[in-house]
Amino acid sequence: MLRYLLTLSRPRFWLYTAGPVVVGVAYAATGVGDLLAVLPAVLFLYFLLPANVYLYGVNDRFDREIDAENPKKSAGPEARWRDSSAVTAVVAFSGVLGLALFPLTPRVAWPYLAGFFALATAYSAPPLRFKARPWLDSLSNGLYLLPGAAAYAAIAGAHPPVAALVGGWLWTMAMHTYSAIPDIEPDRAAGIETTATVLGETRTYLYCGGCWTLAAIAFGLLDPRLGVLLGVYPLFLLATVGVGVDVDRAYWWFPVVNGVVGMVLTLGALFAMRGWIA
């Protein structure tokens, strides 16, 4: 059961929710005391594992018929839904556990926390089920930005810069739609419409490249160095498509790429806090 729950939570993607918390705290902190406080640790730990059990548990529960046709779920880093009351209870508890974050955080962080839980549920669960609605499936994946925005707001006591929110949201839109490319044929076979199934593989690449480019521009408005760093994504897309790397293979490289970019973002914030860089 434990092994299954860990597989369900997608360990390779844990930093997609916990990583933004680290970045948000690093940019909000004004001193070492902010970094070593209890609240950042609590947010990081929740979004590292329980949030992913809830997010992907809801996803797999309502995708169980579709996943029966998806070869990606038959072996490897993902698994098909195990329909048992114990699994359902753990997934539900992981979501309820997140409600404890509200009394621990200032009110300025609440909209971002509420947005995460609302989108994490509505993305997969009916009646909204955004993941089966072209364009809304991409747009709703801004949920991955929200843990970082909540962490920033909780530490700084203020909302994150608008350009960071816009840039981060565009980045998540591209990441989501790129990850949907391997599912185009299984989704079409199951009668599911997504942004990727509507656009097709070639135009989906263009869509993702456009979102990543706009994300780099938005971050560049905050600091040109951030824009250069985020420019890695459209370049990575061009390189992998240009040399003919299969999307099913390139898809699994992104946890490493995102981890390195997140590390550079975090170190930049910490160096600036210490006065080591301007």
C-alpha atoms as a PDB file:
ATOM      1  CA  MET A   1       0.000   0.000   0.000  1.00  0.00           C
ATOM      2  CA  LEU A   2       2.782   2.438   0.923  1.00  0.00           C
ATOM      3  CA  ARG A   3       4.653   1.689  -2.289  1.00  0.00           C
ATOM      4  CA  TYR A   4       1.477   2.245  -4.298  1.00  0.00           C
ATOM      5  CA  LEU A   5       0.710   5.554  -2.567  1.00  0.00           C
ATOM      6  CA  LEU A   6       4.244   6.774  -3.235  1.00  0.00           C
ATOM      7  CA  THR A   7       3.879   5.802  -6.895  1.00  0.00           C
ATOM      8  CA  LEU A   8       0.494   7.535  -7.022  1.00  0.00           C
ATOM      9  CA  SER A   9       2.039  10.745  -5.653  1.00  0.00           C
ATOM     10  CA  ARG A  10       4.540  10.905  -8.574  1.00  0.00           C
ATOM     11  CA  PRO A  11       7.840  11.336  -6.647  1.00  0.00           C
ATOM     12  CA  ARG A  12       9.536  12.722  -9.753  1.00  0.00           C
ATOM     13  CA  PHE A  13       7.083  15.609  -9.626  1.00  0.00           C
ATOM     14  CA  TRP A  14       7.127  16.347  -5.888  1.00  0.00           C
ATOM     15  CA  LEU A  15       9.246  19.439  -6.456  1.00  0.00           C
ATOM     16  CA  TYR A  16       6.652  20.813  -8.857  1.00  0.00           C
ATOM     17  CA  THR A  17       4.575  21.743  -5.794  1.00  0.00           C
ATOM     18  CA  ALA A  18       7.239  21.932  -3.065  1.00  0.00           C
ATOM     19  CA  GLY A  19       9.841  23.674  -5.241  1.00  0.00           C
ATOM     20  CA  PRO A  20       7.756  26.833  -5.697  1.00  0.00           C
ATOM     21  CA  VAL A  21       7.461  27.007  -1.886  1.00  0.00           C
ATOM     22  CA  VAL A  22      11.261  27.138  -1.614  1.00  0.00           C
ATOM     23  CA  VAL A  23      11.483  29.822  -4.308  1.00  0.00           C
ATOM     24  CA  GLY A  24       8.643  31.845  -2.775  1.00  0.00           C
ATOM     25  CA  VAL A  25      10.207  31.771   0.687  1.00  0.00           C
ATOM     26  CA  ALA A  26      13.652  32.688  -0.678  1.00  0.00           C
ATOM     27  CA  TYR A  27      12.331  35.807  -2.429  1.00  0.00           C
ATOM     28  CA  ALA A  28      10.117  36.847   0.495  1.00  0.00           C
ATOM     29  CA  ALA A  29      12.745  36.371   3.222  1.00  0.00           C
ATOM     30  CA  THR A  30      14.510  39.397   4.613  1.00  0.00           C
ATOM     31  CA  GLY A  31      16.894  37.444   6.832  1.00  0.00           C
ATOM     32  CA  VAL A  32      18.005  34.012   7.955  1.00  0.00           C
ATOM     33  CA  GLY A  33      15.281  33.997  10.601  1.00  0.00           C
ATOM     34  CA  ASP A  34      12.590  33.864   7.923  1.00  0.00           C
ATOM     35  CA  LEU A  35      14.277  30.865   6.317  1.00  0.00           C
ATOM     36  CA  LEU A  36      14.547  28.923   9.567  1.00  0.00           C
ATOM     37  CA  ALA A  37      11.020  29.640  10.815  1.00  0.00           C
ATOM     38  CA  VAL A  38       8.535  26.812  11.368  1.00  0.00           C
ATOM     39  CA  LEU A  39       5.954  27.996   8.835  1.00  0.00           C
ATOM     40  CA  PRO A  40       8.147  27.612   5.702  1.00  0.00           C
ATOM     41  CA  ALA A  41       9.039  24.090   6.826  1.00  0.00           C
ATOM     42  CA  VAL A  42       5.380  23.186   7.353  1.00  0.00           C
ATOM     43  CA  LEU A  43       4.418  24.521   3.930  1.00  0.00           C
ATOM     44  CA  PHE A  44       7.297  22.699   2.264  1.00  0.00           C
ATOM     45  CA  LEU A  45       6.512  19.362   3.915  1.00  0.00           C
ATOM     46  CA  TYR A  46       2.805  19.557   3.110  1.00  0.00           C
ATOM     47  CA  PHE A  47       3.337  20.448  -0.533  1.00  0.00           C
ATOM     48  CA  LEU A  48       6.119  17.879  -0.855  1.00  0.00           C
ATOM     49  CA  LEU A  49       3.978  14.790  -0.191  1.00  0.00           C
ATOM     50  CA  PRO A  50       0.392  15.131   1.128  1.00  0.00           C
ATOM     51  CA  ALA A  51      -0.530  17.713  -1.526  1.00  0.00           C
ATOM     52  CA  ASN A  52       0.703  15.377  -4.254  1.00  0.00           C
ATOM     53  CA  VAL A  53      -1.158  12.396  -2.819  1.00  0.00           C
ATOM     54  CA  TYR A  54      -4.325  14.489  -2.950  1.00  0.00           C
ATOM     55  CA  LEU A  55      -3.681  16.084  -6.354  1.00  0.00           C
ATOM     56  CA  TYR A  56      -2.777  12.888  -8.185  1.00  0.00           C
ATOM     57  CA  GLY A  57      -5.129  10.728  -6.159  1.00  0.00           C
ATOM     58  CA  VAL A  58      -8.101  12.774  -7.321  1.00  0.00           C
ATOM     59  CA  ASN A  59      -6.678  12.716 -10.834  1.00  0.00           C
ATOM     60  CA  ASP A  60      -6.255   8.943 -10.928  1.00  0.00           C
ATOM     61  CA  ARG A  61      -9.630   8.266  -9.271  1.00  0.00           C
ATOM     62  CA  PHE A  62     -11.550  10.098 -11.971  1.00  0.00           C
ATOM     63  CA  ASP A  63      -9.277   8.930 -14.795  1.00  0.00           C
ATOM     64  CA  ARG A  64      -9.518   5.231 -14.054  1.00  0.00           C
ATOM     65  CA  GLU A  65     -11.496   4.402 -17.230  1.00  0.00           C
ATOM     66  CA  ILE A  66      -9.234   6.531 -19.444  1.00  0.00           C
ATOM     67  CA  ASP A  67      -6.068   5.128 -17.899  1.00  0.00           C
ATOM     68  CA  ALA A  68      -7.147   1.626 -18.861  1.00  0.00           C
ATOM     69  CA  GLU A  69      -6.219   2.621 -22.446  1.00  0.00           C
ATOM     70  CA  ASN A  70      -3.040   4.507 -21.520  1.00  0.00           C
ATOM     71  CA  PRO A  71       0.177   2.442 -21.818  1.00  0.00           C
ATOM     72  CA  LYS A  72       1.998   4.998 -19.626  1.00  0.00           C
ATOM     73  CA  LYS A  73      -0.017   3.683 -16.673  1.00  0.00           C
ATOM     74  CA  SER A  74       0.775   0.012 -17.141  1.00  0.00           C
ATOM     75  CA  ALA A  75       4.391   0.187 -15.961  1.00  0.00           C
ATOM     76  CA  GLY A  76       7.125   2.585 -14.961  1.00  0.00           C
ATOM     77  CA  PRO A  77       6.787   5.710 -12.802  1.00  0.00           C
ATOM     78  CA  GLU A  78       2.960   5.826 -12.857  1.00  0.00           C
ATOM     79  CA  ALA A  79       0.283   3.298 -11.914  1.00  0.00           C
ATOM     80  CA  ARG A  80      -3.403   2.754 -12.474  1.00  0.00           C
ATOM     81  CA  TRP A  81      -5.892   3.635  -9.743  1.00  0.00           C
ATOM     82  CA  ARG A  82      -6.295   0.984  -7.044  1.00  0.00           C
ATOM     83  CA  ASP A  83      -9.983   1.130  -6.211  1.00  0.00           C
ATOM     84  CA  SER A  84     -10.098   0.560  -2.464  1.00  0.00           C
ATOM     85  CA  SER A  85     -11.645   2.368   0.478  1.00  0.00           C
ATOM     86  CA  ALA A  86      -8.239   2.642   2.172  1.00  0.00           C
ATOM     87  CA  VAL A  87      -6.679   4.476  -0.794  1.00  0.00           C
ATOM     88  CA  THR A  88      -9.697   6.765  -1.086  1.00  0.00           C
ATOM     89  CA  ALA A  89      -9.483   7.563   2.640  1.00  0.00           C
ATOM     90  CA  VAL A  90      -5.779   8.449   2.457  1.00  0.00           C
ATOM     91  CA  VAL A  91      -6.353  10.709  -0.557  1.00  0.00           C
ATOM     92  CA  ALA A  92      -9.266  12.448   1.174  1.00  0.00           C
ATOM     93  CA  PHE A  93      -7.298  12.858   4.415  1.00  0.00           C
ATOM     94  CA  SER A  94      -4.389  14.393   2.480  1.00  0.00           C
ATOM     95  CA  GLY A  95      -6.760  17.061   1.175  1.00  0.00           C
ATOM     96  CA  VAL A  96      -8.381  17.721   4.558  1.00  0.00           C
ATOM     97  CA  LEU A  97      -4.927  17.991   6.137  1.00  0.00           C
ATOM     98  CA  GLY A  98      -4.273  20.986   3.907  1.00  0.00           C
ATOM     99  CA  LEU A  99      -7.062  22.904   5.648  1.00  0.00           C
ATOM    100  CA  ALA A 100      -4.790  23.122   8.686  1.00  0.00           C
ATOM    101  CA  LEU A 101      -2.574  25.510   6.719  1.00  0.00           C
ATOM    102  CA  PHE A 102      -5.165  28.293   6.828  1.00  0.00           C
ATOM    103  CA  PRO A 103      -5.003  29.100  10.567  1.00  0.00           C
ATOM    104  CA  LEU A 104      -1.197  28.900  10.368  1.00  0.00           C
ATOM    105  CA  THR A 105      -0.863  31.515   7.627  1.00  0.00           C
ATOM    106  CA  PRO A 106      -1.842  35.201   7.345  1.00  0.00           C
ATOM    107  CA  ARG A 107      -4.980  36.030   5.412  1.00  0.00           C
ATOM    108  CA  VAL A 108      -3.017  37.414   2.471  1.00  0.00           C
ATOM    109  CA  ALA A 109      -1.938  33.834   1.700  1.00  0.00           C
ATOM    110  CA  TRP A 110      -5.452  32.357   1.867  1.00  0.00           C
ATOM    111  CA  PRO A 111      -6.540  33.093  -1.725  1.00  0.00           C
ATOM    112  CA  TYR A 112      -3.534  31.186  -3.044  1.00  0.00           C
ATOM    113  CA  LEU A 113      -4.123  28.225  -0.741  1.00  0.00           C
ATOM    114  CA  ALA A 114      -7.829  28.173  -1.578  1.00  0.00           C
ATOM    115  CA  GLY A 115      -7.027  28.440  -5.276  1.00  0.00           C
ATOM    116  CA  PHE A 116      -4.707  25.451  -5.074  1.00  0.00           C
ATOM    117  CA  PHE A 117      -7.251  23.162  -3.430  1.00  0.00           C
ATOM    118  CA  ALA A 118     -10.088  24.360  -5.654  1.00  0.00           C
ATOM    119  CA  LEU A 119      -8.132  23.798  -8.870  1.00  0.00           C
ATOM    120  CA  ALA A 120      -6.547  20.542  -7.650  1.00  0.00           C
ATOM    121  CA  THR A 121     -10.073  19.204  -7.225  1.00  0.00           C
ATOM    122  CA  ALA A 122     -11.856  20.802 -10.175  1.00  0.00           C
ATOM    123  CA  TYR A 123      -9.092  19.868 -12.592  1.00  0.00           C
ATOM    124  CA  SER A 124     -10.028  16.186 -12.426  1.00  0.00           C
ATOM    125  CA  ALA A 125     -13.348  15.864 -10.623  1.00  0.00           C
ATOM    126  CA  PRO A 126     -16.763  16.436 -12.206  1.00  0.00           C
ATOM    127  CA  PRO A 127     -18.751  18.496 -12.832  1.00  0.00           C
ATOM    128  CA  LEU A 128     -16.081  21.002 -13.904  1.00  0.00           C
ATOM    129  CA  ARG A 129     -13.311  18.525 -14.796  1.00  0.00           C
ATOM    130  CA  PHE A 130     -11.098  21.126 -16.445  1.00  0.00           C
ATOM    131  CA  LYS A 131      -8.671  18.518 -17.739  1.00  0.00           C
ATOM    132  CA  ALA A 132     -11.221  17.435 -20.328  1.00  0.00           C
ATOM    133  CA  ARG A 133     -11.958  20.993 -21.495  1.00  0.00           C
ATOM    134  CA  PRO A 134      -9.591  22.396 -24.136  1.00  0.00           C
ATOM    135  CA  TRP A 135      -7.773  25.576 -23.043  1.00  0.00           C
ATOM    136  CA  LEU A 136      -9.205  25.368 -19.520  1.00  0.00           C
ATOM    137  CA  ASP A 137      -7.055  22.299 -18.909  1.00  0.00           C
ATOM    138  CA  SER A 138      -3.964  24.364 -19.665  1.00  0.00           C
ATOM    139  CA  LEU A 139      -5.124  27.505 -17.862  1.00  0.00           C
ATOM    140  CA  SER A 140      -6.126  25.663 -14.681  1.00  0.00           C
ATOM    141  CA  ASN A 141      -2.612  24.268 -14.218  1.00  0.00           C
ATOM    142  CA  GLY A 142      -1.615  27.552 -12.703  1.00  0.00           C
ATOM    143  CA  LEU A 143      -2.382  25.564  -9.550  1.00  0.00           C
ATOM    144  CA  TYR A 144       1.305  24.547  -9.477  1.00  0.00           C
ATOM    145  CA  LEU A 145       2.293  28.186  -9.034  1.00  0.00           C
ATOM    146  CA  LEU A 146      -0.023  28.743  -6.081  1.00  0.00           C
ATOM    147  CA  PRO A 147       1.993  26.978  -3.342  1.00  0.00           C
ATOM    148  CA  GLY A 148       4.890  29.318  -4.101  1.00  0.00           C
ATOM    149  CA  ALA A 149       2.614  32.356  -4.143  1.00  0.00           C
ATOM    150  CA  ALA A 150       1.109  31.274  -0.812  1.00  0.00           C
ATOM    151  CA  ALA A 151       4.573  30.824   0.707  1.00  0.00           C
ATOM    152  CA  TYR A 152       5.711  34.240  -0.521  1.00  0.00           C
ATOM    153  CA  ALA A 153       2.576  35.910   0.845  1.00  0.00           C
ATOM    154  CA  ALA A 154       2.866  34.078   4.171  1.00  0.00           C
ATOM    155  CA  ILE A 155       6.450  35.231   4.747  1.00  0.00           C
ATOM    156  CA  ALA A 156       6.330  38.697   3.164  1.00  0.00           C
ATOM    157  CA  GLY A 157       2.838  39.563   4.359  1.00  0.00           C
ATOM    158  CA  ALA A 158       2.082  40.885   0.871  1.00  0.00           C
ATOM    159  CA  HIS A 159       1.073  39.559  -2.530  1.00  0.00           C
ATOM    160  CA  PRO A 160       3.811  38.440  -4.961  1.00  0.00           C
ATOM    161  CA  PRO A 161       4.671  40.796  -7.868  1.00  0.00           C
ATOM    162  CA  VAL A 162       2.099  40.631 -10.658  1.00  0.00           C
ATOM    163  CA  ALA A 163       4.779  39.913 -13.277  1.00  0.00           C
ATOM    164  CA  ALA A 164       5.919  36.875 -11.275  1.00  0.00           C
ATOM    165  CA  LEU A 165       2.354  35.578 -11.040  1.00  0.00           C
ATOM    166  CA  VAL A 166       1.769  36.068 -14.763  1.00  0.00           C
ATOM    167  CA  GLY A 167       5.113  34.562 -15.744  1.00  0.00           C
ATOM    168  CA  GLY A 168       4.710  31.610 -13.415  1.00  0.00           C
ATOM    169  CA  TRP A 169       1.181  30.947 -14.641  1.00  0.00           C
ATOM    170  CA  LEU A 170       2.306  30.934 -18.272  1.00  0.00           C
ATOM    171  CA  TRP A 171       5.151  28.581 -17.371  1.00  0.00           C
ATOM    172  CA  THR A 172       2.727  26.103 -15.784  1.00  0.00           C
ATOM    173  CA  MET A 173       0.424  26.294 -18.800  1.00  0.00           C
ATOM    174  CA  ALA A 174       3.263  25.310 -21.097  1.00  0.00           C
ATOM    175  CA  MET A 175       4.494  22.553 -18.789  1.00  0.00           C
ATOM    176  CA  HIS A 176       1.046  21.018 -18.549  1.00  0.00           C
ATOM    177  CA  THR A 177       0.300  21.096 -22.250  1.00  0.00           C
ATOM    178  CA  TYR A 178       3.713  19.688 -23.122  1.00  0.00           C
ATOM    179  CA  SER A 179       3.127  16.812 -20.702  1.00  0.00           C
ATOM    180  CA  ALA A 180      -0.175  16.094 -22.458  1.00  0.00           C
ATOM    181  CA  ILE A 181       1.494  15.396 -25.821  1.00  0.00           C
ATOM    182  CA  PRO A 182       2.245  11.720 -25.010  1.00  0.00           C
ATOM    183  CA  ASP A 183      -1.434  11.317 -24.109  1.00  0.00           C
ATOM    184  CA  ILE A 184      -2.834  12.666 -27.388  1.00  0.00           C
ATOM    185  CA  GLU A 185      -3.619   9.276 -28.932  1.00  0.00           C
ATOM    186  CA  PRO A 186      -4.894   7.598 -25.708  1.00  0.00           C
ATOM    187  CA  ASP A 187      -7.086  10.640 -25.002  1.00  0.00           C
ATOM    188  CA  ARG A 188      -8.475  10.645 -28.536  1.00  0.00           C
ATOM    189  CA  ALA A 189      -9.164   6.914 -28.278  1.00  0.00           C
ATOM    190  CA  ALA A 190     -11.085   7.561 -25.055  1.00  0.00           C
ATOM    191  CA  GLY A 191     -12.997  10.485 -26.589  1.00  0.00           C
ATOM    192  CA  ILE A 192     -11.320  13.072 -24.352  1.00  0.00           C
ATOM    193  CA  GLU A 193     -10.662  16.549 -25.711  1.00  0.00           C
ATOM    194  CA  THR A 194      -7.705  18.554 -24.393  1.00  0.00           C
ATOM    195  CA  THR A 195      -5.676  21.476 -25.646  1.00  0.00           C
ATOM    196  CA  ALA A 196      -3.151  18.982 -27.017  1.00  0.00           C
ATOM    197  CA  THR A 197      -5.746  16.814 -28.811  1.00  0.00           C
ATOM    198  CA  VAL A 198      -7.313  19.900 -30.397  1.00  0.00           C
ATOM    199  CA  LEU A 199      -4.011  21.379 -31.551  1.00  0.00           C
ATOM    200  CA  GLY A 200      -2.198  18.182 -32.483  1.00  0.00           C
ATOM    201  CA  GLU A 201       1.457  17.538 -31.733  1.00  0.00           C
ATOM    202  CA  THR A 202       3.062  20.149 -34.005  1.00  0.00           C
ATOM    203  CA  ARG A 203       0.852  23.063 -32.992  1.00  0.00           C
ATOM    204  CA  THR A 204       1.091  22.033 -29.349  1.00  0.00           C
ATOM    205  CA  TYR A 205       4.850  22.505 -29.578  1.00  0.00           C
ATOM    206  CA  LEU A 206       4.239  26.012 -30.923  1.00  0.00           C
ATOM    207  CA  TYR A 207       1.742  26.751 -28.159  1.00  0.00           C
ATOM    208  CA  CYS A 208       4.162  25.607 -25.450  1.00  0.00           C
ATOM    209  CA  GLY A 209       7.030  27.539 -26.997  1.00  0.00           C
ATOM    210  CA  GLY A 210       4.881  30.677 -27.092  1.00  0.00           C
ATOM    211  CA  CYS A 211       3.830  30.334 -23.432  1.00  0.00           C
ATOM    212  CA  TRP A 212       7.406  29.743 -22.302  1.00  0.00           C
ATOM    213  CA  THR A 213       8.628  32.739 -24.290  1.00  0.00           C
ATOM    214  CA  LEU A 214       5.976  34.991 -22.760  1.00  0.00           C
ATOM    215  CA  ALA A 215       6.872  33.631 -19.315  1.00  0.00           C
ATOM    216  CA  ALA A 216      10.514  34.584 -19.898  1.00  0.00           C
ATOM    217  CA  ILE A 217       9.458  38.093 -20.952  1.00  0.00           C
ATOM    218  CA  ALA A 218       7.286  38.508 -17.844  1.00  0.00           C
ATOM    219  CA  PHE A 219      10.129  37.471 -15.530  1.00  0.00           C
ATOM    220  CA  GLY A 220      12.472  39.684 -17.508  1.00  0.00           C
ATOM    221  CA  LEU A 221      10.351  42.666 -16.481  1.00  0.00           C
ATOM    222  CA  LEU A 222      11.291  41.887 -12.879  1.00  0.00           C
ATOM    223  CA  ASP A 223      14.962  41.292 -13.635  1.00  0.00           C
ATOM    224  CA  PRO A 224      16.580  40.685 -17.044  1.00  0.00           C
ATOM    225  CA  ARG A 225      18.597  37.849 -15.503  1.00  0.00           C
ATOM    226  CA  LEU A 226      15.378  36.044 -14.631  1.00  0.00           C
ATOM    227  CA  GLY A 227      14.220  36.440 -18.212  1.00  0.00           C
ATOM    228  CA  VAL A 228      17.440  34.884 -19.484  1.00  0.00           C
ATOM    229  CA  LEU A 229      17.093  31.971 -17.073  1.00  0.00           C
ATOM    230  CA  LEU A 230      13.492  31.256 -18.091  1.00  0.00           C
ATOM    231  CA  GLY A 231      14.603  31.478 -21.716  1.00  0.00           C
ATOM    232  CA  VAL A 232      16.063  27.997 -21.190  1.00  0.00           C
ATOM    233  CA  TYR A 233      12.620  26.486 -21.785  1.00  0.00           C
ATOM    234  CA  PRO A 234      11.869  27.609 -25.336  1.00  0.00           C
ATOM    235  CA  LEU A 235      15.488  26.796 -26.216  1.00  0.00           C
ATOM    236  CA  PHE A 236      15.148  23.323 -24.710  1.00  0.00           C
ATOM    237  CA  LEU A 237      11.973  22.792 -26.711  1.00  0.00           C
ATOM    238  CA  LEU A 238      13.646  23.884 -29.936  1.00  0.00           C
ATOM    239  CA  ALA A 239      16.652  21.668 -29.266  1.00  0.00           C
ATOM    240  CA  THR A 240      14.705  18.508 -28.470  1.00  0.00           C
ATOM    241  CA  VAL A 241      12.298  18.921 -31.375  1.00  0.00           C
ATOM    242  CA  GLY A 242      15.115  19.933 -33.721  1.00  0.00           C
ATOM    243  CA  VAL A 243      17.165  16.796 -33.096  1.00  0.00           C
ATOM    244  CA  GLY A 244      14.112  14.551 -33.065  1.00  0.00           C
ATOM    245  CA  VAL A 245      14.036  13.509 -29.403  1.00  0.00           C
ATOM    246  CA  ASP A 246      10.823  11.587 -28.788  1.00  0.00           C
ATOM    247  CA  VAL A 247       8.432  13.533 -26.562  1.00  0.00           C
ATOM    248  CA  ASP A 248       7.907  10.497 -24.312  1.00  0.00           C
ATOM    249  CA  ARG A 249      11.616  10.621 -23.522  1.00  0.00           C
ATOM    250  CA  ALA A 250      12.039  14.397 -23.283  1.00  0.00           C
ATOM    251  CA  TYR A 251       9.008  14.602 -20.977  1.00  0.00           C
ATOM    252  CA  TRP A 252      10.929  12.786 -18.247  1.00  0.00           C
ATOM    253  CA  TRP A 253      13.910  15.150 -18.516  1.00  0.00           C
ATOM    254  CA  PHE A 254      11.893  18.085 -17.243  1.00  0.00           C
ATOM    255  CA  PRO A 255      12.116  17.245 -13.520  1.00  0.00           C
ATOM    256  CA  VAL A 256      15.892  17.674 -13.839  1.00  0.00           C
ATOM    257  CA  VAL A 257      15.626  20.859 -15.923  1.00  0.00           C
ATOM    258  CA  ASN A 258      13.062  22.332 -13.531  1.00  0.00           C
ATOM    259  CA  GLY A 259      15.135  21.337 -10.510  1.00  0.00           C
ATOM    260  CA  VAL A 260      18.229  23.097 -11.869  1.00  0.00           C
ATOM    261  CA  VAL A 261      16.287  26.240 -12.837  1.00  0.00           C
ATOM    262  CA  GLY A 262      14.592  26.301  -9.430  1.00  0.00           C
ATOM    263  CA  MET A 263      17.975  25.927  -7.703  1.00  0.00           C
ATOM    264  CA  VAL A 264      19.415  28.870  -9.643  1.00  0.00           C
ATOM    265  CA  LEU A 265      16.350  30.988  -8.840  1.00  0.00           C
ATOM    266  CA  THR A 266      16.638  30.161  -5.150  1.00  0.00           C
ATOM    267  CA  LEU A 267      20.380  30.749  -4.930  1.00  0.00           C
ATOM    268  CA  GLY A 268      19.961  34.071  -6.705  1.00  0.00           C
ATOM    269  CA  ALA A 269      17.430  35.194  -4.113  1.00  0.00           C
ATOM    270  CA  LEU A 270      19.592  34.039  -1.218  1.00  0.00           C
ATOM    271  CA  PHE A 271      22.731  35.703  -2.605  1.00  0.00           C
ATOM    272  CA  ALA A 272      20.794  38.942  -3.072  1.00  0.00           C
ATOM    273  CA  MET A 273      19.472  38.711   0.496  1.00  0.00           C
ATOM    274  CA  ARG A 274      23.042  38.410   1.781  1.00  0.00           C
ATOM    275  CA  GLY A 275      24.201  41.271  -0.426  1.00  0.00           C
ATOM    276  CA  TRP A 276      26.507  39.060  -2.497  1.00  0.00           C
ATOM    277  CA  ILE A 277      24.856  40.125  -5.745  1.00  0.00           C
ATOM    278  CA  ALA A 278      22.909  43.234  -6.680  1.00  0.00           C
END
